[in-house]
Amino acid sequence: MSAADFFGEPISVYTRAQGIADGLLIDVTERARETGFRWPVAITAAAWADCVAWTETHNKTKGTGQDEGGRLSDVINMAFYRMRAAARDGREGVNVRLVFHVMCTPPEGRARKPVKTELCLHVGPGDAGEPVLTIMLPTED
């Protein structure tokens, strides 16, 4: 018996592709492939805002010399290391949520030093049931 047999057909479905088109998810698959990921990778807009977003104004006020490309690489690399550790521990498969940390300077406020920030890497099914990865804040589902 499938879920549709029990509950009936869904009234509405919001797809990953729609989330990317709407800007709720940012597709970082190409950058992630450079690191070694083989499945599509997206990051939520909230995680992007906390750990990746950076402008020249931030550099002027914080004096850190960072940029979005470097910050994105940090997030993707740490996610990749966490995924590899999970694979070694036998925690592979779909619907796995892995916690990892990245050191990042907060884009807002007066802080200039990096702080340990918790993120999650969710391995779940994509729009066609294929494995996809989503980097998100721990409070996001």
N, C-alpha and C. Protein backbone atom coordinates (compact mmCIF):
# COMPACT_ATOMS: atom_id res chain seq x y z
N MET A 1 0.84 -1.17 0.00
CA MET A 1 0.00 0.00 0.00
C MET A 1 0.89 1.24 0.00
N SER A 2 0.68 2.13 -0.94
CA SER A 2 1.47 3.36 -1.02
C SER A 2 0.81 4.46 -0.19
N ALA A 3 1.54 5.53 0.03
CA ALA A 3 1.00 6.68 0.76
C ALA A 3 -0.20 7.26 0.02
N ALA A 4 -0.13 7.30 -1.32
CA ALA A 4 -1.25 7.83 -2.11
C ALA A 4 -2.49 6.95 -1.95
N ASP A 5 -2.31 5.63 -1.83
CA ASP A 5 -3.45 4.73 -1.61
C ASP A 5 -4.12 5.02 -0.28
N PHE A 6 -3.32 5.33 0.72
CA PHE A 6 -3.85 5.56 2.06
C PHE A 6 -4.41 6.97 2.23
N PHE A 7 -3.61 7.99 1.80
CA PHE A 7 -3.99 9.38 2.02
C PHE A 7 -4.70 10.02 0.83
N GLY A 8 -4.57 9.43 -0.34
CA GLY A 8 -5.10 10.05 -1.56
C GLY A 8 -4.00 10.84 -2.25
N GLU A 9 -4.31 11.37 -3.41
CA GLU A 9 -3.33 12.12 -4.18
C GLU A 9 -3.03 13.47 -3.49
N PRO A 10 -1.80 13.96 -3.59
CA PRO A 10 -1.46 15.25 -2.98
C PRO A 10 -2.27 16.38 -3.61
N ILE A 11 -2.61 17.34 -2.79
CA ILE A 11 -3.34 18.52 -3.28
C ILE A 11 -2.37 19.44 -4.01
N SER A 12 -1.16 19.55 -3.46
CA SER A 12 -0.16 20.44 -4.04
C SER A 12 1.23 19.88 -3.75
N VAL A 13 2.14 20.06 -4.68
CA VAL A 13 3.52 19.61 -4.51
C VAL A 13 4.44 20.77 -4.89
N TYR A 14 5.39 21.09 -4.01
CA TYR A 14 6.37 22.13 -4.29
C TYR A 14 7.69 21.42 -4.56
N THR A 15 8.22 21.57 -5.77
CA THR A 15 9.39 20.81 -6.17
C THR A 15 10.69 21.55 -5.85
N ARG A 16 11.76 20.80 -5.89
CA ARG A 16 13.10 21.39 -5.71
C ARG A 16 13.38 22.40 -6.83
N ALA A 17 12.99 22.06 -8.05
CA ALA A 17 13.18 22.98 -9.18
C ALA A 17 12.44 24.29 -8.95
N GLN A 18 11.24 24.23 -8.37
CA GLN A 18 10.50 25.45 -8.07
C GLN A 18 11.22 26.25 -6.98
N GLY A 19 11.76 25.57 -5.99
CA GLY A 19 12.51 26.24 -4.93
C GLY A 19 13.72 26.98 -5.47
N ILE A 20 14.40 26.37 -6.43
CA ILE A 20 15.54 27.03 -7.07
C ILE A 20 15.07 28.22 -7.90
N ALA A 21 14.00 28.04 -8.67
CA ALA A 21 13.46 29.13 -9.49
C ALA A 21 12.98 30.29 -8.63
N ASP A 22 12.43 29.99 -7.45
CA ASP A 22 11.92 31.03 -6.55
C ASP A 22 13.00 31.68 -5.70
N GLY A 23 14.21 31.13 -5.71
CA GLY A 23 15.30 31.70 -4.92
C GLY A 23 15.37 31.20 -3.49
N LEU A 24 14.54 30.23 -3.13
CA LEU A 24 14.61 29.66 -1.79
C LEU A 24 15.78 28.70 -1.65
N LEU A 25 16.20 28.14 -2.79
CA LEU A 25 17.38 27.29 -2.87
C LEU A 25 18.31 27.87 -3.93
N ILE A 26 19.59 27.79 -3.67
CA ILE A 26 20.59 28.25 -4.62
C ILE A 26 21.38 27.03 -5.09
N ASP A 27 21.34 26.77 -6.38
CA ASP A 27 22.01 25.61 -6.95
C ASP A 27 23.51 25.87 -7.00
N VAL A 28 24.29 25.07 -6.29
CA VAL A 28 25.75 25.20 -6.27
C VAL A 28 26.42 23.92 -6.79
N THR A 29 25.69 23.20 -7.63
CA THR A 29 26.16 21.91 -8.12
C THR A 29 27.50 22.01 -8.82
N GLU A 30 27.67 22.98 -9.70
CA GLU A 30 28.94 23.07 -10.44
C GLU A 30 30.12 23.27 -9.51
N ARG A 31 30.00 24.16 -8.52
CA ARG A 31 31.09 24.36 -7.55
C ARG A 31 31.30 23.10 -6.72
N ALA A 32 30.21 22.44 -6.37
CA ALA A 32 30.31 21.23 -5.55
C ALA A 32 30.99 20.10 -6.31
N ARG A 33 30.77 20.02 -7.61
CA ARG A 33 31.43 18.98 -8.43
C ARG A 33 32.94 19.16 -8.41
N GLU A 34 33.41 20.40 -8.38
CA GLU A 34 34.85 20.68 -8.31
C GLU A 34 35.46 20.10 -7.03
N THR A 35 34.67 20.02 -5.98
CA THR A 35 35.13 19.48 -4.70
C THR A 35 35.08 17.96 -4.68
N GLY A 36 34.17 17.36 -5.46
CA GLY A 36 34.07 15.91 -5.49
C GLY A 36 32.66 15.38 -5.34
N PHE A 37 31.69 16.25 -5.11
CA PHE A 37 30.31 15.78 -5.02
C PHE A 37 29.87 15.27 -6.39
N ARG A 38 29.12 14.17 -6.38
CA ARG A 38 28.60 13.60 -7.63
C ARG A 38 27.12 13.85 -7.81
N TRP A 39 26.43 14.24 -6.76
CA TRP A 39 24.99 14.50 -6.82
C TRP A 39 24.74 16.01 -6.81
N PRO A 40 23.58 16.45 -7.28
CA PRO A 40 23.26 17.88 -7.25
C PRO A 40 23.27 18.42 -5.82
N VAL A 41 23.77 19.64 -5.67
CA VAL A 41 23.85 20.28 -4.35
C VAL A 41 23.22 21.67 -4.44
N ALA A 42 22.39 21.99 -3.44
CA ALA A 42 21.81 23.32 -3.31
C ALA A 42 22.01 23.77 -1.87
N ILE A 43 21.98 25.07 -1.66
CA ILE A 43 22.06 25.64 -0.31
C ILE A 43 20.84 26.53 -0.13
N THR A 44 20.25 26.49 1.06
CA THR A 44 19.07 27.32 1.29
C THR A 44 19.47 28.79 1.31
N ALA A 45 18.52 29.64 0.99
CA ALA A 45 18.77 31.10 1.00
C ALA A 45 19.19 31.56 2.39
N ALA A 46 18.62 30.98 3.44
CA ALA A 46 18.97 31.37 4.80
C ALA A 46 20.41 30.98 5.14
N ALA A 47 20.83 29.78 4.76
CA ALA A 47 22.22 29.35 5.00
C ALA A 47 23.18 30.20 4.18
N TRP A 48 22.78 30.53 2.94
CA TRP A 48 23.60 31.41 2.11
C TRP A 48 23.79 32.76 2.80
N ALA A 49 22.70 33.33 3.30
CA ALA A 49 22.76 34.65 3.95
C ALA A 49 23.68 34.63 5.17
N ASP A 50 23.66 33.54 5.94
CA ASP A 50 24.48 33.45 7.16
C ASP A 50 25.94 33.13 6.89
N CYS A 51 26.22 32.29 5.89
CA CYS A 51 27.57 31.74 5.75
C CYS A 51 28.29 32.05 4.45
N VAL A 52 27.57 32.55 3.44
CA VAL A 52 28.22 32.79 2.14
C VAL A 52 28.15 34.26 1.73
N ALA A 53 27.01 34.89 1.89
CA ALA A 53 26.80 36.26 1.41
C ALA A 53 27.90 37.20 1.92
N TRP A 54 28.46 37.97 0.99
CA TRP A 54 29.54 38.90 1.34
C TRP A 54 29.66 39.94 0.24
N THR A 55 29.85 41.17 0.61
CA THR A 55 29.97 42.26 -0.36
C THR A 55 31.24 43.07 -0.07
N GLU A 56 31.54 43.95 -0.98
CA GLU A 56 32.67 44.86 -0.76
C GLU A 56 32.43 45.74 0.46
N THR A 57 31.17 46.07 0.72
CA THR A 57 30.83 46.86 1.91
C THR A 57 31.22 46.10 3.17
N HIS A 58 31.00 44.79 3.19
CA HIS A 58 31.42 44.00 4.35
C HIS A 58 32.94 44.09 4.52
N ASN A 59 33.68 44.01 3.42
CA ASN A 59 35.13 44.10 3.52
C ASN A 59 35.57 45.46 4.04
N LYS A 60 34.89 46.52 3.63
CA LYS A 60 35.25 47.86 4.10
C LYS A 60 34.97 48.02 5.58
N THR A 61 33.84 47.51 6.05
CA THR A 61 33.49 47.69 7.45
C THR A 61 34.16 46.67 8.37
N LYS A 62 34.45 45.48 7.87
CA LYS A 62 35.05 44.44 8.71
C LYS A 62 36.53 44.23 8.44
N GLY A 63 37.01 44.64 7.27
CA GLY A 63 38.42 44.53 6.96
C GLY A 63 38.95 43.11 6.91
N THR A 64 38.16 42.15 6.42
CA THR A 64 38.59 40.76 6.43
C THR A 64 39.14 40.27 5.10
N GLY A 65 38.83 40.97 4.00
CA GLY A 65 39.32 40.54 2.69
C GLY A 65 38.67 39.27 2.17
N GLN A 66 37.47 38.95 2.64
CA GLN A 66 36.78 37.75 2.19
C GLN A 66 35.97 38.03 0.94
N ASP A 67 35.50 36.96 0.30
CA ASP A 67 34.56 37.10 -0.81
C ASP A 67 33.62 35.91 -0.82
N GLU A 68 32.54 36.03 -1.57
CA GLU A 68 31.53 34.97 -1.60
C GLU A 68 32.10 33.66 -2.13
N GLY A 69 32.96 33.72 -3.13
CA GLY A 69 33.53 32.49 -3.68
C GLY A 69 34.31 31.71 -2.65
N GLY A 70 35.12 32.38 -1.88
CA GLY A 70 35.89 31.71 -0.84
C GLY A 70 35.02 31.17 0.28
N ARG A 71 34.02 31.96 0.66
CA ARG A 71 33.11 31.51 1.72
C ARG A 71 32.29 30.29 1.26
N LEU A 72 31.85 30.32 -0.01
CA LEU A 72 31.12 29.17 -0.55
C LEU A 72 32.01 27.94 -0.58
N SER A 73 33.26 28.10 -0.98
CA SER A 73 34.19 26.97 -0.99
C SER A 73 34.36 26.38 0.40
N ASP A 74 34.45 27.23 1.42
CA ASP A 74 34.57 26.74 2.79
C ASP A 74 33.37 25.86 3.17
N VAL A 75 32.17 26.34 2.86
CA VAL A 75 30.96 25.60 3.20
C VAL A 75 30.91 24.27 2.45
N ILE A 76 31.17 24.31 1.15
CA ILE A 76 31.12 23.08 0.35
C ILE A 76 32.19 22.09 0.79
N ASN A 77 33.40 22.56 1.05
CA ASN A 77 34.47 21.66 1.49
C ASN A 77 34.12 20.99 2.81
N MET A 78 33.61 21.74 3.77
CA MET A 78 33.26 21.15 5.06
C MET A 78 32.11 20.15 4.91
N ALA A 79 31.15 20.46 4.04
CA ALA A 79 30.06 19.52 3.78
C ALA A 79 30.60 18.23 3.15
N PHE A 80 31.55 18.38 2.24
CA PHE A 80 32.13 17.21 1.58
C PHE A 80 32.89 16.33 2.58
N TYR A 81 33.68 16.96 3.46
CA TYR A 81 34.41 16.18 4.46
C TYR A 81 33.44 15.44 5.38
N ARG A 82 32.32 16.09 5.73
CA ARG A 82 31.33 15.44 6.59
C ARG A 82 30.67 14.26 5.87
N MET A 83 30.40 14.45 4.58
CA MET A 83 29.78 13.37 3.80
C MET A 83 30.73 12.17 3.71
N ARG A 84 32.00 12.43 3.48
CA ARG A 84 32.97 11.34 3.40
C ARG A 84 33.10 10.61 4.72
N ALA A 85 33.08 11.35 5.84
CA ALA A 85 33.16 10.72 7.15
C ALA A 85 31.93 9.84 7.39
N ALA A 86 30.77 10.31 6.97
CA ALA A 86 29.54 9.52 7.13
C ALA A 86 29.60 8.25 6.29
N ALA A 87 30.15 8.35 5.09
CA ALA A 87 30.28 7.17 4.23
C ALA A 87 31.21 6.13 4.87
N ARG A 88 32.30 6.60 5.48
CA ARG A 88 33.22 5.69 6.16
C ARG A 88 32.55 5.01 7.35
N ASP A 89 31.63 5.74 8.00
CA ASP A 89 30.92 5.20 9.17
C ASP A 89 29.69 4.39 8.79
N GLY A 90 29.43 4.25 7.49
CA GLY A 90 28.27 3.48 7.04
C GLY A 90 26.96 4.23 7.09
N ARG A 91 26.99 5.56 7.20
CA ARG A 91 25.76 6.36 7.25
C ARG A 91 25.46 6.94 5.88
N GLU A 92 25.30 6.07 4.91
CA GLU A 92 24.97 6.50 3.57
C GLU A 92 23.50 6.26 3.31
N GLY A 93 23.00 6.85 2.26
CA GLY A 93 21.63 6.60 1.86
C GLY A 93 20.82 7.87 1.80
N VAL A 94 19.57 7.71 1.40
CA VAL A 94 18.68 8.85 1.27
C VAL A 94 18.00 9.10 2.61
N ASN A 95 17.62 10.34 2.84
CA ASN A 95 17.00 10.81 4.08
C ASN A 95 17.95 10.73 5.26
N VAL A 96 19.19 11.11 5.01
CA VAL A 96 20.21 11.22 6.05
C VAL A 96 20.47 12.71 6.26
N ARG A 97 20.54 13.11 7.51
CA ARG A 97 20.83 14.51 7.85
C ARG A 97 22.13 14.53 8.64
N LEU A 98 23.14 15.20 8.10
CA LEU A 98 24.46 15.24 8.71
C LEU A 98 24.77 16.65 9.20
N VAL A 99 25.18 16.77 10.44
CA VAL A 99 25.56 18.06 11.01
C VAL A 99 27.05 18.28 10.76
N PHE A 100 27.40 19.51 10.37
CA PHE A 100 28.81 19.87 10.23
C PHE A 100 28.97 21.33 10.63
N HIS A 101 30.21 21.76 10.77
CA HIS A 101 30.49 23.12 11.21
C HIS A 101 31.42 23.81 10.24
N VAL A 102 31.27 25.11 10.17
CA VAL A 102 32.15 25.94 9.36
C VAL A 102 32.46 27.21 10.16
N MET A 103 33.67 27.67 10.05
CA MET A 103 34.05 28.93 10.70
C MET A 103 33.76 30.06 9.72
N CYS A 104 32.90 30.99 10.12
CA CYS A 104 32.62 32.11 9.22
C CYS A 104 32.38 33.38 10.01
N THR A 105 32.81 34.48 9.42
CA THR A 105 32.58 35.80 10.00
C THR A 105 31.14 36.18 9.71
N PRO A 106 30.36 36.51 10.74
CA PRO A 106 28.97 36.89 10.50
C PRO A 106 28.89 38.13 9.60
N PRO A 107 28.02 38.10 8.58
CA PRO A 107 27.93 39.26 7.69
C PRO A 107 27.29 40.47 8.36
N GLU A 108 26.47 40.24 9.36
CA GLU A 108 25.80 41.35 10.05
C GLU A 108 26.41 41.55 11.44
N GLY A 109 26.23 42.72 11.98
CA GLY A 109 26.76 43.02 13.30
C GLY A 109 28.20 43.49 13.24
N ARG A 110 28.82 43.60 14.41
CA ARG A 110 30.16 44.16 14.50
C ARG A 110 31.27 43.12 14.53
N ALA A 111 30.92 41.86 14.65
CA ALA A 111 31.92 40.80 14.77
C ALA A 111 32.83 40.77 13.55
N ARG A 112 34.13 40.64 13.80
CA ARG A 112 35.11 40.56 12.72
C ARG A 112 35.81 39.21 12.69
N LYS A 113 35.69 38.47 13.78
CA LYS A 113 36.35 37.18 13.85
C LYS A 113 35.37 36.07 13.49
N PRO A 114 35.89 35.02 12.85
CA PRO A 114 35.01 33.89 12.50
C PRO A 114 34.45 33.21 13.74
N VAL A 115 33.23 32.74 13.60
CA VAL A 115 32.59 31.98 14.67
C VAL A 115 32.20 30.60 14.12
N LYS A 116 32.18 29.63 14.99
CA LYS A 116 31.79 28.27 14.60
C LYS A 116 30.28 28.26 14.34
N THR A 117 29.91 27.92 13.13
CA THR A 117 28.51 27.95 12.72
C THR A 117 28.08 26.54 12.33
N GLU A 118 26.95 26.11 12.86
CA GLU A 118 26.44 24.77 12.58
C GLU A 118 25.56 24.79 11.34
N LEU A 119 25.79 23.85 10.45
CA LEU A 119 24.97 23.65 9.26
C LEU A 119 24.60 22.17 9.17
N CYS A 120 23.64 21.86 8.33
CA CYS A 120 23.24 20.48 8.10
C CYS A 120 23.31 20.19 6.61
N LEU A 121 23.69 18.97 6.31
CA LEU A 121 23.68 18.47 4.94
C LEU A 121 22.62 17.38 4.89
N HIS A 122 21.58 17.62 4.11
CA HIS A 122 20.50 16.64 4.01
C HIS A 122 20.63 15.92 2.68
N VAL A 123 20.64 14.59 2.74
CA VAL A 123 20.63 13.76 1.55
C VAL A 123 19.21 13.27 1.39
N GLY A 124 18.56 13.70 0.34
CA GLY A 124 17.16 13.32 0.16
C GLY A 124 16.83 13.08 -1.30
N PRO A 125 15.58 12.73 -1.55
CA PRO A 125 15.17 12.49 -2.93
C PRO A 125 14.88 13.79 -3.66
N GLY A 126 15.30 13.86 -4.93
CA GLY A 126 15.00 15.01 -5.78
C GLY A 126 13.62 14.87 -6.39
N ASP A 127 13.33 15.73 -7.33
CA ASP A 127 12.01 15.77 -7.96
C ASP A 127 11.64 14.46 -8.65
N ALA A 128 12.65 13.73 -9.14
CA ALA A 128 12.39 12.46 -9.82
C ALA A 128 12.85 11.26 -8.97
N GLY A 129 13.06 11.50 -7.67
CA GLY A 129 13.49 10.43 -6.78
C GLY A 129 14.99 10.21 -6.72
N GLU A 130 15.75 10.97 -7.51
CA GLU A 130 17.21 10.83 -7.52
C GLU A 130 17.80 11.45 -6.25
N PRO A 131 18.99 11.00 -5.81
CA PRO A 131 19.60 11.60 -4.62
C PRO A 131 20.06 13.03 -4.90
N VAL A 132 19.73 13.92 -3.99
CA VAL A 132 20.17 15.31 -4.05
C VAL A 132 20.60 15.73 -2.65
N LEU A 133 21.45 16.74 -2.59
CA LEU A 133 21.97 17.23 -1.32
C LEU A 133 21.53 18.67 -1.11
N THR A 134 21.17 18.98 0.13
CA THR A 134 20.79 20.35 0.47
C THR A 134 21.53 20.76 1.74
N ILE A 135 22.23 21.89 1.65
CA ILE A 135 22.92 22.47 2.81
C ILE A 135 21.96 23.48 3.41
N MET A 136 21.75 23.38 4.74
CA MET A 136 20.75 24.23 5.39
C MET A 136 21.15 24.54 6.82
N LEU A 137 20.44 25.49 7.40
CA LEU A 137 20.60 25.78 8.82
C LEU A 137 19.94 24.66 9.62
N PRO A 138 20.38 24.42 10.86
CA PRO A 138 19.80 23.34 11.65
C PRO A 138 18.31 23.54 11.93
N THR A 139 17.83 24.76 11.88
CA THR A 139 16.41 25.04 12.15
C THR A 139 15.53 24.84 10.95
N GLU A 140 16.12 24.57 9.78
CA GLU A 140 15.33 24.39 8.57
C GLU A 140 15.05 22.90 8.34
N ASP A 141 13.93 22.62 7.69
CA ASP A 141 13.59 21.22 7.38
C ASP A 141 13.63 20.98 5.91
